[in-house]
Amino acid sequence: MSLVIVDTGCANLSSVAFAFERLGVAPTISKDANIIRTAKRVILPGVGAAPYALRNIETAGLRDTLTTLIQPVLGICLGMQILFETLTEGGEKLDGLGLIPGEVEKLDTLTLPSPHMGWNRLDIRQTDPLTKGLTEQDYAYFVHSYAAPVSDKTLAASNHGSEFSAIVRKDNVWGCQFHPERSSQTGAKILKNFMEIST
């Protein structure tokens, strides 16, 4: 079963790949549109600044490819954020991939530190194949300053000063604001669930 991790040029691709290899899955890392388009499942990772990630996607000619995929797609951290319609970062409003409605904005952490970094609880809001087996005792590892609001696309929320979407879904597209590859057994369960989603 082919799994492609999109080389966005701004992610720790090896750690994501190792997480799948621990599950017995051998992923391919690529920014080749044909390889991505024909994969059974696609991972869109990302860390750092949204403008840089989106510019890399444009430079690689991948916007049309990523916005027309019909197989299961999972965005991780910044990879989740760029799935949304718009992102506001550093005072700049950016056009995301538009696969999930809504806008990503700076997380209001109130008196808590920013960025939100460390373990936090997942508040499951909807049953879904990706969240199968998760409970209110499951924690995930977050590193982010920006976040998407809770909406009807939210499968799980979390809270760091204010509430935000931790897992989202629209149609064949899912997103995790946290890093499942760094989230121990909880993350492994989510990645395993992703590989078992029927296509």
N, C-alpha and C. Protein backbone atom coordinates (compact mmCIF):
# COMPACT_ATOMS: atom_id res chain seq x y z
N MET A 1 0.85 -1.19 0.00
CA MET A 1 0.00 0.00 0.00
C MET A 1 0.88 1.24 0.00
N SER A 2 0.72 2.12 -1.00
CA SER A 2 1.63 3.25 -1.14
C SER A 2 1.18 4.42 -0.28
N LEU A 3 2.14 4.96 0.45
CA LEU A 3 1.95 6.15 1.26
C LEU A 3 3.01 7.15 0.85
N VAL A 4 2.59 8.35 0.48
CA VAL A 4 3.53 9.39 0.10
C VAL A 4 3.49 10.51 1.11
N ILE A 5 4.67 10.91 1.60
CA ILE A 5 4.83 12.08 2.45
C ILE A 5 5.31 13.21 1.54
N VAL A 6 4.52 14.27 1.44
CA VAL A 6 4.86 15.36 0.54
C VAL A 6 6.06 16.12 1.10
N ASP A 7 7.06 16.30 0.26
CA ASP A 7 8.25 17.05 0.64
C ASP A 7 7.95 18.54 0.48
N THR A 8 7.51 19.16 1.58
CA THR A 8 7.19 20.59 1.56
C THR A 8 8.43 21.46 1.76
N GLY A 9 9.55 20.83 2.05
CA GLY A 9 10.78 21.59 2.27
C GLY A 9 10.83 22.28 3.61
N CYS A 10 9.87 21.98 4.49
CA CYS A 10 9.85 22.66 5.79
C CYS A 10 9.26 21.74 6.85
N ALA A 11 9.77 20.53 6.90
CA ALA A 11 9.29 19.58 7.90
C ALA A 11 10.39 18.57 8.21
N ASN A 12 10.29 17.99 9.40
CA ASN A 12 11.20 16.90 9.75
C ASN A 12 10.63 15.62 9.13
N LEU A 13 10.90 15.45 7.87
CA LEU A 13 10.30 14.35 7.10
C LEU A 13 10.71 13.00 7.65
N SER A 14 11.95 12.89 8.13
CA SER A 14 12.44 11.59 8.59
C SER A 14 11.68 11.11 9.82
N SER A 15 11.32 12.01 10.73
CA SER A 15 10.61 11.58 11.93
C SER A 15 9.20 11.10 11.59
N VAL A 16 8.57 11.74 10.61
CA VAL A 16 7.25 11.28 10.16
C VAL A 16 7.38 9.91 9.49
N ALA A 17 8.40 9.77 8.66
CA ALA A 17 8.63 8.48 7.99
C ALA A 17 8.91 7.38 8.99
N PHE A 18 9.75 7.65 9.99
CA PHE A 18 10.07 6.64 11.00
C PHE A 18 8.83 6.20 11.77
N ALA A 19 7.91 7.13 12.03
CA ALA A 19 6.70 6.79 12.76
C ALA A 19 5.88 5.76 11.99
N PHE A 20 5.82 5.92 10.67
CA PHE A 20 5.10 4.94 9.85
C PHE A 20 5.88 3.63 9.73
N GLU A 21 7.19 3.74 9.64
CA GLU A 21 8.00 2.52 9.55
C GLU A 21 7.84 1.66 10.80
N ARG A 22 7.65 2.30 11.96
CA ARG A 22 7.40 1.54 13.19
C ARG A 22 6.08 0.78 13.12
N LEU A 23 5.19 1.22 12.24
CA LEU A 23 3.91 0.53 12.05
C LEU A 23 3.99 -0.49 10.92
N GLY A 24 5.18 -0.66 10.34
CA GLY A 24 5.35 -1.61 9.25
C GLY A 24 5.01 -1.05 7.89
N VAL A 25 4.93 0.28 7.78
CA VAL A 25 4.61 0.94 6.51
C VAL A 25 5.88 1.62 5.99
N ALA A 26 6.17 1.43 4.71
CA ALA A 26 7.35 2.04 4.09
C ALA A 26 6.90 3.21 3.21
N PRO A 27 6.96 4.45 3.73
CA PRO A 27 6.49 5.59 2.95
C PRO A 27 7.53 6.06 1.94
N THR A 28 7.03 6.79 0.94
CA THR A 28 7.88 7.47 -0.03
C THR A 28 7.80 8.96 0.23
N ILE A 29 8.95 9.63 0.27
CA ILE A 29 8.99 11.08 0.41
C ILE A 29 9.20 11.68 -0.98
N SER A 30 8.30 12.57 -1.39
CA SER A 30 8.38 13.06 -2.77
C SER A 30 7.69 14.41 -2.93
N LYS A 31 8.14 15.17 -3.92
CA LYS A 31 7.40 16.35 -4.36
C LYS A 31 7.07 16.24 -5.85
N ASP A 32 7.08 14.99 -6.32
CA ASP A 32 6.70 14.70 -7.70
C ASP A 32 5.18 14.57 -7.79
N ALA A 33 4.56 15.40 -8.60
CA ALA A 33 3.10 15.45 -8.67
C ALA A 33 2.49 14.10 -9.06
N ASN A 34 3.12 13.40 -10.00
CA ASN A 34 2.58 12.11 -10.44
C ASN A 34 2.63 11.07 -9.34
N ILE A 35 3.71 11.05 -8.58
CA ILE A 35 3.84 10.10 -7.48
C ILE A 35 2.80 10.41 -6.39
N ILE A 36 2.63 11.68 -6.09
CA ILE A 36 1.64 12.08 -5.08
C ILE A 36 0.23 11.73 -5.55
N ARG A 37 -0.06 12.03 -6.79
CA ARG A 37 -1.41 11.83 -7.33
C ARG A 37 -1.82 10.36 -7.33
N THR A 38 -0.86 9.48 -7.54
CA THR A 38 -1.20 8.05 -7.66
C THR A 38 -1.03 7.28 -6.35
N ALA A 39 -0.64 7.95 -5.28
CA ALA A 39 -0.49 7.28 -3.98
C ALA A 39 -1.86 6.89 -3.43
N LYS A 40 -1.87 5.83 -2.61
CA LYS A 40 -3.12 5.43 -1.96
C LYS A 40 -3.48 6.37 -0.82
N ARG A 41 -2.46 6.93 -0.16
CA ARG A 41 -2.65 7.88 0.94
C ARG A 41 -1.54 8.92 0.90
N VAL A 42 -1.88 10.13 1.36
CA VAL A 42 -0.93 11.24 1.28
C VAL A 42 -0.83 11.93 2.63
N ILE A 43 0.40 12.20 3.07
CA ILE A 43 0.66 12.97 4.28
C ILE A 43 1.23 14.33 3.87
N LEU A 44 0.66 15.41 4.41
CA LEU A 44 1.16 16.76 4.16
C LEU A 44 1.72 17.31 5.47
N PRO A 45 3.03 17.18 5.68
CA PRO A 45 3.64 17.67 6.94
C PRO A 45 4.05 19.12 6.80
N GLY A 46 4.51 19.69 7.91
CA GLY A 46 5.02 21.05 7.86
C GLY A 46 5.32 21.59 9.24
N VAL A 47 6.39 22.34 9.34
CA VAL A 47 6.72 23.08 10.56
C VAL A 47 7.24 24.45 10.13
N GLY A 48 7.12 25.43 11.03
CA GLY A 48 7.67 26.74 10.73
C GLY A 48 6.64 27.71 10.19
N ALA A 49 7.06 28.50 9.20
CA ALA A 49 6.25 29.62 8.73
C ALA A 49 5.38 29.24 7.54
N ALA A 50 4.11 29.64 7.61
CA ALA A 50 3.17 29.33 6.54
C ALA A 50 3.56 29.95 5.20
N PRO A 51 4.02 31.22 5.15
CA PRO A 51 4.39 31.78 3.84
C PRO A 51 5.45 30.95 3.12
N TYR A 52 6.43 30.47 3.89
CA TYR A 52 7.51 29.68 3.31
C TYR A 52 6.97 28.35 2.77
N ALA A 53 6.11 27.69 3.55
CA ALA A 53 5.55 26.40 3.12
C ALA A 53 4.71 26.56 1.87
N LEU A 54 3.86 27.58 1.86
CA LEU A 54 2.99 27.79 0.69
C LEU A 54 3.81 28.17 -0.54
N ARG A 55 4.86 28.95 -0.34
CA ARG A 55 5.74 29.31 -1.46
C ARG A 55 6.42 28.07 -2.02
N ASN A 56 6.85 27.16 -1.15
CA ASN A 56 7.48 25.92 -1.62
C ASN A 56 6.50 25.08 -2.43
N ILE A 57 5.25 25.03 -1.97
CA ILE A 57 4.23 24.27 -2.69
C ILE A 57 4.00 24.88 -4.07
N GLU A 58 3.92 26.20 -4.13
CA GLU A 58 3.73 26.89 -5.42
C GLU A 58 4.92 26.65 -6.34
N THR A 59 6.13 26.78 -5.78
CA THR A 59 7.35 26.61 -6.59
C THR A 59 7.44 25.20 -7.17
N ALA A 60 7.01 24.22 -6.39
CA ALA A 60 7.04 22.83 -6.85
C ALA A 60 5.87 22.51 -7.78
N GLY A 61 4.96 23.47 -7.97
CA GLY A 61 3.81 23.26 -8.85
C GLY A 61 2.81 22.26 -8.30
N LEU A 62 2.66 22.25 -6.97
CA LEU A 62 1.84 21.22 -6.34
C LEU A 62 0.46 21.69 -5.89
N ARG A 63 0.15 22.97 -6.03
CA ARG A 63 -1.15 23.44 -5.52
C ARG A 63 -2.30 22.69 -6.19
N ASP A 64 -2.30 22.63 -7.51
CA ASP A 64 -3.40 21.94 -8.21
C ASP A 64 -3.45 20.46 -7.84
N THR A 65 -2.29 19.84 -7.71
CA THR A 65 -2.25 18.42 -7.33
C THR A 65 -2.88 18.22 -5.96
N LEU A 66 -2.46 19.01 -4.98
CA LEU A 66 -2.93 18.83 -3.61
C LEU A 66 -4.40 19.16 -3.45
N THR A 67 -4.93 20.08 -4.25
CA THR A 67 -6.33 20.48 -4.10
C THR A 67 -7.28 19.58 -4.86
N THR A 68 -6.76 18.62 -5.61
CA THR A 68 -7.64 17.74 -6.39
C THR A 68 -7.48 16.26 -6.01
N LEU A 69 -6.79 15.98 -4.91
CA LEU A 69 -6.61 14.59 -4.49
C LEU A 69 -7.94 14.02 -4.00
N ILE A 70 -8.20 12.75 -4.31
CA ILE A 70 -9.44 12.10 -3.89
C ILE A 70 -9.17 10.97 -2.88
N GLN A 71 -7.90 10.63 -2.66
CA GLN A 71 -7.54 9.62 -1.67
C GLN A 71 -7.45 10.26 -0.29
N PRO A 72 -7.36 9.49 0.79
CA PRO A 72 -7.20 10.08 2.11
C PRO A 72 -5.93 10.92 2.21
N VAL A 73 -6.09 12.13 2.76
CA VAL A 73 -4.99 13.08 2.94
C VAL A 73 -4.96 13.48 4.42
N LEU A 74 -3.77 13.51 5.02
CA LEU A 74 -3.63 13.92 6.41
C LEU A 74 -2.59 15.02 6.51
N GLY A 75 -3.01 16.20 6.95
CA GLY A 75 -2.09 17.30 7.21
C GLY A 75 -1.65 17.29 8.66
N ILE A 76 -0.37 17.54 8.89
CA ILE A 76 0.21 17.51 10.23
C ILE A 76 0.79 18.88 10.58
N CYS A 77 0.35 19.43 11.73
CA CYS A 77 0.84 20.71 12.25
C CYS A 77 0.64 21.82 11.21
N LEU A 78 1.70 22.44 10.71
CA LEU A 78 1.55 23.46 9.67
C LEU A 78 0.87 22.87 8.44
N GLY A 79 1.11 21.58 8.18
CA GLY A 79 0.44 20.91 7.07
C GLY A 79 -1.06 20.91 7.22
N MET A 80 -1.56 20.84 8.45
CA MET A 80 -3.00 20.97 8.69
C MET A 80 -3.44 22.40 8.42
N GLN A 81 -2.69 23.37 8.91
CA GLN A 81 -3.10 24.77 8.78
C GLN A 81 -3.24 25.21 7.33
N ILE A 82 -2.35 24.76 6.47
CA ILE A 82 -2.42 25.20 5.07
C ILE A 82 -3.53 24.50 4.29
N LEU A 83 -4.22 23.54 4.93
CA LEU A 83 -5.41 22.95 4.31
C LEU A 83 -6.58 23.92 4.32
N PHE A 84 -6.54 24.93 5.20
CA PHE A 84 -7.66 25.84 5.37
C PHE A 84 -7.71 26.89 4.25
N GLU A 85 -8.82 27.64 4.22
CA GLU A 85 -9.01 28.63 3.17
C GLU A 85 -8.01 29.77 3.29
N THR A 86 -7.86 30.31 4.50
CA THR A 86 -6.94 31.43 4.68
C THR A 86 -6.15 31.26 5.98
N LEU A 87 -4.99 31.89 6.01
CA LEU A 87 -4.14 31.91 7.19
C LEU A 87 -3.66 33.33 7.40
N THR A 88 -3.73 33.82 8.62
CA THR A 88 -3.19 35.13 8.94
C THR A 88 -1.95 34.92 9.81
N GLU A 89 -0.81 35.32 9.27
CA GLU A 89 0.45 35.11 9.99
C GLU A 89 1.33 36.33 9.83
N GLY A 90 1.78 36.87 10.95
CA GLY A 90 2.64 38.05 10.90
C GLY A 90 1.99 39.24 10.22
N GLY A 91 0.67 39.37 10.38
CA GLY A 91 -0.06 40.48 9.77
C GLY A 91 -0.38 40.27 8.30
N GLU A 92 0.06 39.14 7.75
CA GLU A 92 -0.16 38.85 6.33
C GLU A 92 -1.26 37.81 6.19
N LYS A 93 -2.22 38.08 5.29
CA LYS A 93 -3.30 37.12 5.02
C LYS A 93 -2.94 36.29 3.80
N LEU A 94 -2.93 35.00 3.98
CA LEU A 94 -2.47 34.08 2.94
C LEU A 94 -3.60 33.18 2.46
N ASP A 95 -3.56 32.82 1.20
CA ASP A 95 -4.51 31.85 0.66
C ASP A 95 -3.97 30.45 0.90
N GLY A 96 -4.70 29.67 1.71
CA GLY A 96 -4.35 28.28 1.90
C GLY A 96 -4.84 27.44 0.73
N LEU A 97 -4.87 26.14 0.92
CA LEU A 97 -5.31 25.25 -0.15
C LEU A 97 -6.82 25.22 -0.30
N GLY A 98 -7.55 25.71 0.70
CA GLY A 98 -9.00 25.82 0.58
C GLY A 98 -9.75 24.50 0.68
N LEU A 99 -9.11 23.48 1.24
CA LEU A 99 -9.76 22.17 1.35
C LEU A 99 -10.65 22.08 2.59
N ILE A 100 -10.42 22.93 3.57
CA ILE A 100 -11.25 22.98 4.78
C ILE A 100 -11.67 24.43 4.98
N PRO A 101 -12.96 24.69 5.21
CA PRO A 101 -13.39 26.08 5.39
C PRO A 101 -12.89 26.67 6.70
N GLY A 102 -12.63 27.98 6.66
CA GLY A 102 -12.21 28.66 7.89
C GLY A 102 -10.86 29.34 7.74
N GLU A 103 -10.49 30.04 8.82
CA GLU A 103 -9.25 30.82 8.83
C GLU A 103 -8.39 30.43 10.02
N VAL A 104 -7.11 30.26 9.78
CA VAL A 104 -6.14 30.00 10.84
C VAL A 104 -5.57 31.33 11.31
N GLU A 105 -5.60 31.56 12.63
CA GLU A 105 -5.10 32.82 13.19
C GLU A 105 -4.21 32.53 14.39
N LYS A 106 -3.57 33.56 14.88
CA LYS A 106 -2.71 33.42 16.06
C LYS A 106 -3.55 32.95 17.24
N LEU A 107 -3.06 31.94 17.94
CA LEU A 107 -3.77 31.39 19.09
C LEU A 107 -3.69 32.36 20.26
N ASP A 108 -4.84 32.71 20.81
CA ASP A 108 -4.90 33.58 21.98
C ASP A 108 -4.63 32.73 23.22
N THR A 109 -3.41 32.78 23.71
CA THR A 109 -3.02 31.95 24.86
C THR A 109 -3.29 32.62 26.20
N LEU A 110 -3.83 33.85 26.17
CA LEU A 110 -4.11 34.61 27.39
C LEU A 110 -2.83 34.74 28.22
N THR A 111 -2.80 34.19 29.42
CA THR A 111 -1.61 34.33 30.27
C THR A 111 -0.64 33.16 30.12
N LEU A 112 -0.96 32.21 29.24
CA LEU A 112 -0.11 31.04 29.06
C LEU A 112 0.98 31.34 28.02
N PRO A 113 2.08 30.59 28.04
CA PRO A 113 3.17 30.86 27.10
C PRO A 113 2.76 30.64 25.64
N SER A 114 3.38 31.40 24.79
CA SER A 114 3.24 31.21 23.35
C SER A 114 4.65 31.09 22.76
N PRO A 115 4.92 30.09 21.92
CA PRO A 115 3.97 29.13 21.36
C PRO A 115 3.48 28.09 22.37
N HIS A 116 2.37 27.48 22.01
CA HIS A 116 1.85 26.34 22.76
C HIS A 116 2.77 25.16 22.47
N MET A 117 3.48 24.71 23.47
CA MET A 117 4.47 23.66 23.26
C MET A 117 4.38 22.64 24.39
N GLY A 118 4.16 21.39 24.01
CA GLY A 118 4.11 20.31 24.99
C GLY A 118 2.86 19.47 24.86
N TRP A 119 2.65 18.65 25.88
CA TRP A 119 1.54 17.69 25.86
C TRP A 119 0.24 18.36 26.29
N ASN A 120 -0.84 18.00 25.59
CA ASN A 120 -2.16 18.53 25.94
C ASN A 120 -3.22 17.48 25.61
N ARG A 121 -4.32 17.59 26.34
CA ARG A 121 -5.38 16.59 26.22
C ARG A 121 -6.22 16.82 24.96
N LEU A 122 -6.67 15.72 24.37
CA LEU A 122 -7.58 15.77 23.24
C LEU A 122 -9.02 15.61 23.73
N ASP A 123 -9.84 16.57 23.37
CA ASP A 123 -11.26 16.54 23.72
C ASP A 123 -12.02 16.07 22.48
N ILE A 124 -12.41 14.80 22.45
CA ILE A 124 -13.03 14.21 21.27
C ILE A 124 -14.45 14.76 21.10
N ARG A 125 -14.74 15.31 19.92
CA ARG A 125 -16.04 15.92 19.66
C ARG A 125 -16.92 15.09 18.73
N GLN A 126 -16.29 14.31 17.84
CA GLN A 126 -17.07 13.52 16.88
C GLN A 126 -16.39 12.17 16.69
N THR A 127 -17.20 11.15 16.48
CA THR A 127 -16.64 9.84 16.14
C THR A 127 -16.23 9.85 14.67
N ASP A 128 -15.12 9.20 14.40
CA ASP A 128 -14.56 9.21 13.05
C ASP A 128 -13.55 8.08 12.96
N PRO A 129 -13.33 7.52 11.77
CA PRO A 129 -12.31 6.48 11.64
C PRO A 129 -10.93 6.90 12.15
N LEU A 130 -10.58 8.19 12.03
CA LEU A 130 -9.25 8.63 12.46
C LEU A 130 -9.12 8.65 13.98
N THR A 131 -10.22 8.88 14.69
CA THR A 131 -10.18 8.98 16.14
C THR A 131 -10.63 7.70 16.83
N LYS A 132 -10.76 6.63 16.07
CA LYS A 132 -11.21 5.35 16.63
C LYS A 132 -10.28 4.90 17.76
N GLY A 133 -10.87 4.60 18.91
CA GLY A 133 -10.10 4.10 20.04
C GLY A 133 -9.53 5.18 20.94
N LEU A 134 -9.67 6.46 20.56
CA LEU A 134 -9.19 7.55 21.41
C LEU A 134 -10.18 7.82 22.53
N THR A 135 -9.68 8.26 23.68
CA THR A 135 -10.52 8.59 24.81
C THR A 135 -10.10 9.95 25.37
N GLU A 136 -10.82 10.40 26.38
CA GLU A 136 -10.51 11.68 27.01
C GLU A 136 -9.19 11.63 27.78
N GLN A 137 -8.62 10.45 27.92
CA GLN A 137 -7.33 10.31 28.59
C GLN A 137 -6.15 10.41 27.63
N ASP A 138 -6.43 10.61 26.35
CA ASP A 138 -5.36 10.67 25.36
C ASP A 138 -4.79 12.09 25.26
N TYR A 139 -3.46 12.14 25.27
CA TYR A 139 -2.73 13.41 25.14
C TYR A 139 -1.87 13.37 23.88
N ALA A 140 -1.67 14.55 23.29
CA ALA A 140 -0.84 14.66 22.09
C ALA A 140 0.18 15.78 22.29
N TYR A 141 1.23 15.76 21.46
CA TYR A 141 2.33 16.72 21.59
C TYR A 141 2.18 17.85 20.57
N PHE A 142 2.05 19.08 21.08
CA PHE A 142 1.81 20.26 20.25
C PHE A 142 3.03 21.18 20.23
N VAL A 143 3.24 21.83 19.08
CA VAL A 143 4.20 22.94 18.96
C VAL A 143 3.62 23.89 17.91
N HIS A 144 2.97 24.96 18.37
CA HIS A 144 2.37 25.89 17.39
C HIS A 144 2.00 27.21 18.05
N SER A 145 1.93 28.24 17.22
CA SER A 145 1.50 29.57 17.66
C SER A 145 0.18 29.96 17.02
N TYR A 146 -0.19 29.28 15.94
CA TYR A 146 -1.41 29.59 15.20
C TYR A 146 -2.33 28.38 15.26
N ALA A 147 -3.63 28.64 15.08
CA ALA A 147 -4.59 27.54 15.22
C ALA A 147 -5.88 27.87 14.49
N ALA A 148 -6.65 26.82 14.24
CA ALA A 148 -7.97 26.96 13.62
C ALA A 148 -9.04 26.93 14.70
N PRO A 149 -10.09 27.71 14.55
CA PRO A 149 -11.16 27.69 15.54
C PRO A 149 -11.93 26.37 15.51
N VAL A 150 -12.65 26.11 16.57
CA VAL A 150 -13.52 24.94 16.62
C VAL A 150 -14.73 25.19 15.71
N SER A 151 -15.09 24.19 14.92
CA SER A 151 -16.21 24.31 13.98
C SER A 151 -16.87 22.95 13.82
N ASP A 152 -17.80 22.87 12.88
CA ASP A 152 -18.44 21.57 12.64
C ASP A 152 -17.50 20.59 11.95
N LYS A 153 -16.31 21.04 11.56
CA LYS A 153 -15.30 20.16 10.97
C LYS A 153 -14.34 19.61 12.03
N THR A 154 -14.53 20.03 13.29
CA THR A 154 -13.64 19.63 14.38
C THR A 154 -13.99 18.23 14.88
N LEU A 155 -13.02 17.33 14.85
CA LEU A 155 -13.19 15.99 15.42
C LEU A 155 -12.72 15.95 16.86
N ALA A 156 -11.70 16.75 17.18
CA ALA A 156 -11.18 16.85 18.55
C ALA A 156 -10.67 18.27 18.75
N ALA A 157 -10.86 18.77 19.96
CA ALA A 157 -10.38 20.10 20.31
C ALA A 157 -9.34 19.99 21.41
N SER A 158 -8.66 21.10 21.65
CA SER A 158 -7.77 21.20 22.79
C SER A 158 -7.83 22.64 23.28
N ASN A 159 -7.17 22.92 24.41
CA ASN A 159 -7.27 24.25 24.99
C ASN A 159 -5.92 24.68 25.55
N HIS A 160 -5.49 25.86 25.12
CA HIS A 160 -4.28 26.47 25.68
C HIS A 160 -4.55 27.97 25.75
N GLY A 161 -5.17 28.40 26.82
CA GLY A 161 -5.63 29.77 26.91
C GLY A 161 -6.99 29.94 26.28
N SER A 162 -7.15 29.43 25.08
CA SER A 162 -8.43 29.40 24.39
C SER A 162 -8.54 28.08 23.63
N GLU A 163 -9.75 27.76 23.27
CA GLU A 163 -10.02 26.49 22.60
C GLU A 163 -9.66 26.57 21.12
N PHE A 164 -9.19 25.46 20.57
CA PHE A 164 -8.85 25.41 19.15
C PHE A 164 -9.05 23.99 18.63
N SER A 165 -9.06 23.85 17.32
CA SER A 165 -9.21 22.53 16.69
C SER A 165 -7.90 21.76 16.76
N ALA A 166 -7.97 20.54 17.30
CA ALA A 166 -6.80 19.67 17.35
C ALA A 166 -6.81 18.66 16.21
N ILE A 167 -8.01 18.18 15.84
CA ILE A 167 -8.17 17.27 14.68
C ILE A 167 -9.38 17.76 13.90
N VAL A 168 -9.23 17.85 12.59
CA VAL A 168 -10.34 18.28 11.73
C VAL A 168 -10.52 17.30 10.57
N ARG A 169 -11.70 17.39 9.96
CA ARG A 169 -11.93 16.58 8.76
C ARG A 169 -12.97 17.26 7.88
N LYS A 170 -12.72 17.20 6.57
CA LYS A 170 -13.74 17.47 5.57
C LYS A 170 -13.54 16.48 4.44
N ASP A 171 -14.55 15.65 4.22
CA ASP A 171 -14.51 14.64 3.14
C ASP A 171 -13.29 13.73 3.29
N ASN A 172 -12.40 13.72 2.29
CA ASN A 172 -11.24 12.82 2.31
C ASN A 172 -10.00 13.46 2.95
N VAL A 173 -10.18 14.63 3.57
CA VAL A 173 -9.05 15.39 4.10
C VAL A 173 -9.15 15.52 5.62
N TRP A 174 -8.10 15.11 6.30
CA TRP A 174 -7.99 15.22 7.76
C TRP A 174 -6.81 16.11 8.12
N GLY A 175 -6.82 16.65 9.32
CA GLY A 175 -5.68 17.42 9.80
C GLY A 175 -5.49 17.23 11.29
N CYS A 176 -4.23 17.16 11.72
CA CYS A 176 -3.86 17.10 13.15
C CYS A 176 -2.98 18.32 13.45
N GLN A 177 -3.42 19.16 14.38
CA GLN A 177 -2.62 20.32 14.75
C GLN A 177 -1.35 19.92 15.49
N PHE A 178 -1.40 18.79 16.15
CA PHE A 178 -0.26 18.28 16.91
C PHE A 178 0.61 17.39 16.02
N HIS A 179 1.66 16.84 16.61
CA HIS A 179 2.57 15.95 15.88
C HIS A 179 2.30 14.51 16.30
N PRO A 180 1.54 13.75 15.52
CA PRO A 180 1.31 12.35 15.89
C PRO A 180 2.60 11.54 15.93
N GLU A 181 3.58 11.92 15.12
CA GLU A 181 4.84 11.17 15.10
C GLU A 181 5.64 11.38 16.38
N ARG A 182 5.23 12.35 17.20
CA ARG A 182 5.91 12.62 18.47
C ARG A 182 4.98 12.41 19.67
N SER A 183 3.83 11.81 19.40
CA SER A 183 2.79 11.69 20.44
C SER A 183 2.62 10.28 20.97
N SER A 184 3.72 9.52 21.00
CA SER A 184 3.74 8.20 21.65
C SER A 184 2.62 7.30 21.12
N GLN A 185 1.98 6.54 22.02
CA GLN A 185 0.97 5.57 21.60
C GLN A 185 -0.27 6.22 21.02
N THR A 186 -0.61 7.40 21.52
CA THR A 186 -1.77 8.11 20.96
C THR A 186 -1.52 8.44 19.49
N GLY A 187 -0.34 8.97 19.20
CA GLY A 187 -0.01 9.29 17.82
C GLY A 187 0.06 8.07 16.94
N ALA A 188 0.64 6.99 17.46
CA ALA A 188 0.73 5.75 16.69
C ALA A 188 -0.66 5.22 16.35
N LYS A 189 -1.57 5.34 17.30
CA LYS A 189 -2.95 4.89 17.07
C LYS A 189 -3.60 5.69 15.94
N ILE A 190 -3.37 7.01 15.95
CA ILE A 190 -3.96 7.86 14.91
C ILE A 190 -3.38 7.53 13.54
N LEU A 191 -2.07 7.35 13.46
CA LEU A 191 -1.44 7.02 12.17
C LEU A 191 -1.90 5.64 11.68
N LYS A 192 -2.05 4.70 12.60
CA LYS A 192 -2.55 3.37 12.24
C LYS A 192 -3.98 3.47 11.73
N ASN A 193 -4.79 4.29 12.41
CA ASN A 193 -6.18 4.49 11.96
C ASN A 193 -6.20 5.08 10.56
N PHE A 194 -5.31 6.03 10.29
CA PHE A 194 -5.25 6.65 8.97
C PHE A 194 -4.96 5.63 7.89
N MET A 195 -4.05 4.71 8.19
CA MET A 195 -3.70 3.68 7.21
C MET A 195 -4.83 2.68 6.99
N GLU A 196 -5.76 2.60 7.95
CA GLU A 196 -6.86 1.63 7.84
C GLU A 196 -8.14 2.23 7.30
N ILE A 197 -8.15 3.54 7.02
CA ILE A 197 -9.34 4.17 6.46
C ILE A 197 -9.62 3.58 5.09
N SER A 198 -10.86 3.16 4.89
CA SER A 198 -11.22 2.53 3.61
C SER A 198 -11.28 3.58 2.52
N THR A 199 -10.86 3.19 1.34
CA THR A 199 -10.82 4.13 0.21
C THR A 199 -11.80 3.69 -0.86
